[in-house]
Amino acid sequence: MTKEEFKKQIRRHDWYFHYSDDHRVWTRGNKELKKLRHAHAVLNCPFSLNELSNWRFNMIFELFQEDEENKGDYYRIDRKSSFVAPAKTYDLITQEKSNQIENWFKETED
C-alpha cells in the first residue's frame, strides 16, 4: 500500500465501528483496522493510529477551547450546539502535529 492509499484508507475508515450493534459492521471495521495496522507498520509511519484518527477528524487543539465550568473538557470554538460531547486533551493534536502528518503523506516514497 502506498502512502496515498494509506491516507485514503484512514479517511474512509469507520473509526466508530466498535459502537455498532450490527456484527457485520463490526466485522468489516475490525478487518479494515487490521489492514490499517499492517500498512502502518509496513510504511513505518511515525505517528500513532490515534494521532492519525485525530488528524482525520481535524481534532486540532487550537480549534478548541476549555469549558469554563468543567475543566479538562474541550469544545470546538465554533460549537453550534450544546448537545455535543466534549473532547479531552488526549483526543486532540496540535496544529503542528497535524502539519507534520500532512507533510509525511506528501513525502515521496523510497
N, C-alpha and C. Protein backbone atom coordinates (compact mmCIF):
# COMPACT_ATOMS: atom_id res chain seq x y z
N MET A 1 0.85 -1.17 0.00
CA MET A 1 0.00 0.00 0.00
C MET A 1 0.90 1.25 0.00
N THR A 2 0.57 2.21 -0.83
CA THR A 2 1.32 3.46 -0.88
C THR A 2 0.82 4.40 0.22
N LYS A 3 1.57 5.47 0.45
CA LYS A 3 1.14 6.46 1.44
C LYS A 3 -0.19 7.08 1.03
N GLU A 4 -0.34 7.31 -0.27
CA GLU A 4 -1.60 7.91 -0.74
C GLU A 4 -2.78 6.98 -0.49
N GLU A 5 -2.59 5.68 -0.74
CA GLU A 5 -3.66 4.71 -0.47
C GLU A 5 -3.92 4.62 1.03
N PHE A 6 -2.86 4.66 1.83
CA PHE A 6 -2.99 4.64 3.28
C PHE A 6 -3.79 5.85 3.76
N LYS A 7 -3.48 7.00 3.22
CA LYS A 7 -4.20 8.23 3.57
C LYS A 7 -5.69 8.10 3.24
N LYS A 8 -5.99 7.56 2.07
CA LYS A 8 -7.39 7.38 1.66
C LYS A 8 -8.09 6.40 2.59
N GLN A 9 -7.40 5.33 2.97
CA GLN A 9 -7.99 4.34 3.88
C GLN A 9 -8.26 4.95 5.26
N ILE A 10 -7.36 5.79 5.73
CA ILE A 10 -7.56 6.46 7.02
C ILE A 10 -8.79 7.35 6.95
N ARG A 11 -8.92 8.07 5.86
CA ARG A 11 -10.08 8.97 5.71
C ARG A 11 -11.39 8.20 5.54
N ARG A 12 -11.35 7.04 4.92
CA ARG A 12 -12.56 6.24 4.64
C ARG A 12 -12.96 5.34 5.80
N HIS A 13 -12.01 4.99 6.63
CA HIS A 13 -12.26 4.02 7.70
C HIS A 13 -13.36 4.50 8.65
N ASP A 14 -14.20 3.59 9.07
CA ASP A 14 -15.23 3.87 10.07
C ASP A 14 -14.58 3.72 11.45
N TRP A 15 -14.10 4.82 12.00
CA TRP A 15 -13.38 4.80 13.26
C TRP A 15 -14.29 4.48 14.45
N TYR A 16 -15.58 4.45 14.23
CA TYR A 16 -16.53 4.19 15.31
C TYR A 16 -17.25 2.86 15.13
N PHE A 17 -16.67 1.97 14.33
CA PHE A 17 -17.31 0.69 14.04
C PHE A 17 -17.58 -0.12 15.29
N HIS A 18 -16.74 0.02 16.30
CA HIS A 18 -16.86 -0.79 17.51
C HIS A 18 -18.10 -0.44 18.34
N TYR A 19 -18.77 0.66 18.00
CA TYR A 19 -20.01 1.03 18.69
C TYR A 19 -21.24 0.41 18.03
N SER A 20 -21.06 -0.21 16.89
CA SER A 20 -22.20 -0.73 16.14
C SER A 20 -22.80 -1.97 16.80
N ASP A 21 -24.12 -2.05 16.72
CA ASP A 21 -24.83 -3.25 17.18
C ASP A 21 -24.88 -4.31 16.08
N ASP A 22 -24.54 -3.92 14.87
CA ASP A 22 -24.57 -4.82 13.72
C ASP A 22 -23.22 -5.54 13.63
N HIS A 23 -23.24 -6.84 13.81
CA HIS A 23 -21.99 -7.61 13.81
C HIS A 23 -21.26 -7.51 12.47
N ARG A 24 -22.01 -7.39 11.37
CA ARG A 24 -21.37 -7.25 10.06
C ARG A 24 -20.55 -5.96 9.98
N VAL A 25 -21.09 -4.89 10.54
CA VAL A 25 -20.37 -3.61 10.56
C VAL A 25 -19.12 -3.74 11.41
N TRP A 26 -19.26 -4.36 12.58
CA TRP A 26 -18.12 -4.56 13.47
C TRP A 26 -17.05 -5.41 12.79
N THR A 27 -17.45 -6.50 12.15
CA THR A 27 -16.51 -7.39 11.48
C THR A 27 -15.76 -6.67 10.37
N ARG A 28 -16.49 -5.92 9.55
CA ARG A 28 -15.87 -5.17 8.45
C ARG A 28 -14.90 -4.13 9.01
N GLY A 29 -15.33 -3.40 10.04
CA GLY A 29 -14.46 -2.38 10.64
C GLY A 29 -13.21 -2.97 11.25
N ASN A 30 -13.36 -4.10 11.93
CA ASN A 30 -12.22 -4.77 12.54
C ASN A 30 -11.22 -5.25 11.48
N LYS A 31 -11.75 -5.78 10.38
CA LYS A 31 -10.90 -6.24 9.27
C LYS A 31 -10.14 -5.07 8.65
N GLU A 32 -10.83 -3.96 8.45
CA GLU A 32 -10.18 -2.76 7.89
C GLU A 32 -9.11 -2.23 8.84
N LEU A 33 -9.39 -2.25 10.13
CA LEU A 33 -8.42 -1.78 11.11
C LEU A 33 -7.15 -2.64 11.08
N LYS A 34 -7.31 -3.94 10.92
CA LYS A 34 -6.15 -4.82 10.83
C LYS A 34 -5.30 -4.45 9.61
N LYS A 35 -5.96 -4.13 8.49
CA LYS A 35 -5.23 -3.71 7.29
C LYS A 35 -4.50 -2.39 7.53
N LEU A 36 -5.16 -1.48 8.23
CA LEU A 36 -4.53 -0.20 8.55
C LEU A 36 -3.31 -0.41 9.44
N ARG A 37 -3.42 -1.28 10.43
CA ARG A 37 -2.29 -1.56 11.32
C ARG A 37 -1.11 -2.16 10.53
N HIS A 38 -1.43 -3.05 9.61
CA HIS A 38 -0.39 -3.67 8.79
C HIS A 38 0.30 -2.61 7.93
N ALA A 39 -0.48 -1.78 7.25
CA ALA A 39 0.08 -0.73 6.40
C ALA A 39 0.88 0.26 7.24
N HIS A 40 0.39 0.57 8.42
CA HIS A 40 1.08 1.47 9.34
C HIS A 40 2.48 0.96 9.64
N ALA A 41 2.57 -0.33 9.89
CA ALA A 41 3.87 -0.95 10.20
C ALA A 41 4.76 -1.01 8.95
N VAL A 42 4.22 -1.44 7.83
CA VAL A 42 4.99 -1.59 6.59
C VAL A 42 5.53 -0.23 6.12
N LEU A 43 4.71 0.81 6.24
CA LEU A 43 5.13 2.14 5.80
C LEU A 43 6.01 2.84 6.84
N ASN A 44 6.17 2.18 8.00
CA ASN A 44 6.97 2.75 9.09
C ASN A 44 6.48 4.15 9.44
N CYS A 45 5.19 4.28 9.59
CA CYS A 45 4.57 5.57 9.91
C CYS A 45 4.99 6.01 11.31
N PRO A 46 5.51 7.22 11.44
CA PRO A 46 5.98 7.69 12.73
C PRO A 46 4.88 8.19 13.67
N PHE A 47 3.63 8.15 13.22
CA PHE A 47 2.51 8.64 14.01
C PHE A 47 1.62 7.47 14.44
N SER A 48 1.07 7.58 15.62
CA SER A 48 0.19 6.51 16.09
C SER A 48 -1.12 6.54 15.32
N LEU A 49 -1.82 5.42 15.33
CA LEU A 49 -3.14 5.39 14.69
C LEU A 49 -4.10 6.35 15.38
N ASN A 50 -3.93 6.55 16.67
CA ASN A 50 -4.76 7.51 17.40
C ASN A 50 -4.50 8.93 16.87
N GLU A 51 -3.24 9.28 16.64
CA GLU A 51 -2.92 10.59 16.08
C GLU A 51 -3.48 10.73 14.68
N LEU A 52 -3.40 9.67 13.90
CA LEU A 52 -3.94 9.70 12.53
C LEU A 52 -5.46 9.86 12.54
N SER A 53 -6.11 9.21 13.48
CA SER A 53 -7.56 9.37 13.61
C SER A 53 -7.91 10.81 13.99
N ASN A 54 -7.16 11.37 14.94
CA ASN A 54 -7.39 12.76 15.35
C ASN A 54 -7.15 13.71 14.18
N TRP A 55 -6.12 13.41 13.39
CA TRP A 55 -5.84 14.21 12.20
C TRP A 55 -6.99 14.12 11.20
N ARG A 56 -7.49 12.91 10.99
CA ARG A 56 -8.57 12.69 10.05
C ARG A 56 -9.82 13.50 10.41
N PHE A 57 -10.10 13.61 11.71
CA PHE A 57 -11.30 14.34 12.16
C PHE A 57 -11.02 15.79 12.51
N ASN A 58 -9.81 16.27 12.16
CA ASN A 58 -9.45 17.66 12.38
C ASN A 58 -9.61 18.05 13.86
N MET A 59 -9.16 17.18 14.71
CA MET A 59 -9.24 17.41 16.16
C MET A 59 -7.99 18.19 16.58
N ILE A 60 -7.96 19.46 16.18
CA ILE A 60 -6.81 20.33 16.37
C ILE A 60 -7.01 21.16 17.64
N PHE A 61 -6.07 21.02 18.56
CA PHE A 61 -6.16 21.67 19.86
C PHE A 61 -6.50 23.15 19.73
N GLU A 62 -5.87 23.83 18.78
CA GLU A 62 -6.07 25.27 18.61
C GLU A 62 -7.48 25.64 18.15
N LEU A 63 -8.26 24.66 17.69
CA LEU A 63 -9.63 24.91 17.26
C LEU A 63 -10.64 24.67 18.39
N PHE A 64 -10.12 24.34 19.57
CA PHE A 64 -10.96 24.03 20.72
C PHE A 64 -10.66 24.99 21.87
N GLN A 65 -11.62 25.10 22.76
CA GLN A 65 -11.38 25.87 23.99
C GLN A 65 -11.89 25.07 25.17
N GLU A 66 -11.24 25.28 26.30
CA GLU A 66 -11.62 24.55 27.50
C GLU A 66 -12.90 25.13 28.08
N ASP A 67 -13.77 24.27 28.52
CA ASP A 67 -15.02 24.68 29.14
C ASP A 67 -14.72 25.36 30.47
N GLU A 68 -15.36 26.49 30.71
CA GLU A 68 -15.12 27.26 31.94
C GLU A 68 -15.53 26.49 33.19
N GLU A 69 -16.67 25.82 33.12
CA GLU A 69 -17.20 25.12 34.30
C GLU A 69 -16.62 23.74 34.50
N ASN A 70 -16.32 23.05 33.43
CA ASN A 70 -15.80 21.68 33.51
C ASN A 70 -14.38 21.64 32.96
N LYS A 71 -13.43 21.95 33.82
CA LYS A 71 -12.03 21.96 33.40
C LYS A 71 -11.64 20.58 32.87
N GLY A 72 -10.90 20.57 31.79
CA GLY A 72 -10.50 19.31 31.16
C GLY A 72 -11.41 18.90 30.01
N ASP A 73 -12.54 19.57 29.88
CA ASP A 73 -13.45 19.33 28.76
C ASP A 73 -13.22 20.42 27.71
N TYR A 74 -13.04 20.00 26.47
CA TYR A 74 -12.78 20.94 25.39
C TYR A 74 -13.87 20.83 24.33
N TYR A 75 -14.28 21.99 23.83
CA TYR A 75 -15.29 22.07 22.78
C TYR A 75 -14.75 22.92 21.64
N ARG A 76 -15.21 22.62 20.43
CA ARG A 76 -14.82 23.44 19.28
C ARG A 76 -15.23 24.88 19.55
N ILE A 77 -14.37 25.79 19.16
CA ILE A 77 -14.64 27.22 19.36
C ILE A 77 -15.92 27.62 18.66
N ASP A 78 -16.17 27.05 17.48
CA ASP A 78 -17.36 27.39 16.69
C ASP A 78 -18.53 26.44 16.96
N ARG A 79 -18.59 25.88 18.18
CA ARG A 79 -19.64 24.91 18.52
C ARG A 79 -21.02 25.53 18.26
N LYS A 80 -21.84 24.78 17.54
CA LYS A 80 -23.17 25.26 17.16
C LYS A 80 -24.29 24.65 18.01
N SER A 81 -23.96 23.68 18.82
CA SER A 81 -24.97 23.00 19.61
C SER A 81 -24.43 22.72 21.01
N SER A 82 -25.32 22.72 21.98
CA SER A 82 -24.90 22.37 23.34
C SER A 82 -24.97 20.86 23.55
N PHE A 83 -25.46 20.13 22.54
CA PHE A 83 -25.59 18.68 22.63
C PHE A 83 -24.41 17.98 21.95
N VAL A 84 -23.22 18.40 22.30
CA VAL A 84 -22.01 17.85 21.73
C VAL A 84 -21.14 17.31 22.87
N ALA A 85 -20.63 16.13 22.68
CA ALA A 85 -19.76 15.55 23.71
C ALA A 85 -18.43 16.30 23.73
N PRO A 86 -17.87 16.48 24.91
CA PRO A 86 -16.58 17.18 24.99
C PRO A 86 -15.43 16.29 24.55
N ALA A 87 -14.36 16.92 24.16
CA ALA A 87 -13.12 16.22 23.88
C ALA A 87 -12.20 16.40 25.07
N LYS A 88 -11.31 15.46 25.26
CA LYS A 88 -10.27 15.55 26.28
C LYS A 88 -8.96 15.87 25.57
N THR A 89 -7.94 16.23 26.33
CA THR A 89 -6.68 16.59 25.69
C THR A 89 -6.11 15.44 24.87
N TYR A 90 -6.32 14.19 25.30
CA TYR A 90 -5.79 13.06 24.54
C TYR A 90 -6.56 12.83 23.24
N ASP A 91 -7.69 13.52 23.06
CA ASP A 91 -8.45 13.44 21.82
C ASP A 91 -7.96 14.45 20.79
N LEU A 92 -7.01 15.29 21.17
CA LEU A 92 -6.60 16.41 20.34
C LEU A 92 -5.12 16.33 19.97
N ILE A 93 -4.79 16.88 18.82
CA ILE A 93 -3.40 17.04 18.40
C ILE A 93 -3.19 18.52 18.09
N THR A 94 -1.97 18.95 18.16
CA THR A 94 -1.68 20.35 17.84
C THR A 94 -1.71 20.57 16.33
N GLN A 95 -1.82 21.82 15.95
CA GLN A 95 -1.76 22.17 14.53
C GLN A 95 -0.41 21.75 13.96
N GLU A 96 0.64 21.90 14.76
CA GLU A 96 1.97 21.50 14.31
C GLU A 96 2.02 19.99 14.00
N LYS A 97 1.44 19.18 14.87
CA LYS A 97 1.41 17.73 14.65
C LYS A 97 0.59 17.41 13.39
N SER A 98 -0.52 18.08 13.22
CA SER A 98 -1.34 17.88 12.03
C SER A 98 -0.54 18.20 10.77
N ASN A 99 0.22 19.28 10.80
CA ASN A 99 1.05 19.66 9.66
C ASN A 99 2.13 18.61 9.40
N GLN A 100 2.71 18.06 10.47
CA GLN A 100 3.73 17.02 10.33
C GLN A 100 3.14 15.79 9.65
N ILE A 101 1.94 15.43 10.05
CA ILE A 101 1.27 14.27 9.44
C ILE A 101 1.02 14.53 7.96
N GLU A 102 0.49 15.69 7.66
CA GLU A 102 0.21 16.05 6.26
C GLU A 102 1.50 16.03 5.44
N ASN A 103 2.57 16.55 6.00
CA ASN A 103 3.85 16.57 5.29
C ASN A 103 4.40 15.16 5.10
N TRP A 104 4.20 14.28 6.08
CA TRP A 104 4.67 12.90 5.94
C TRP A 104 3.98 12.22 4.76
N PHE A 105 2.69 12.47 4.62
CA PHE A 105 1.95 11.88 3.50
C PHE A 105 2.45 12.43 2.15
N LYS A 106 2.93 13.66 2.15
CA LYS A 106 3.40 14.28 0.91
C LYS A 106 4.80 13.85 0.51
N GLU A 107 5.57 13.35 1.48
CA GLU A 107 6.93 12.91 1.18
C GLU A 107 6.88 11.76 0.18
N THR A 108 7.82 11.78 -0.74
CA THR A 108 7.88 10.69 -1.72
C THR A 108 8.41 9.43 -1.05
N GLU A 109 7.90 8.34 -1.54
CA GLU A 109 8.33 7.05 -1.01
C GLU A 109 9.62 6.62 -1.67
N ASP A 110 10.47 5.97 -0.90
CA ASP A 110 11.75 5.48 -1.44
C ASP A 110 11.56 4.23 -2.26
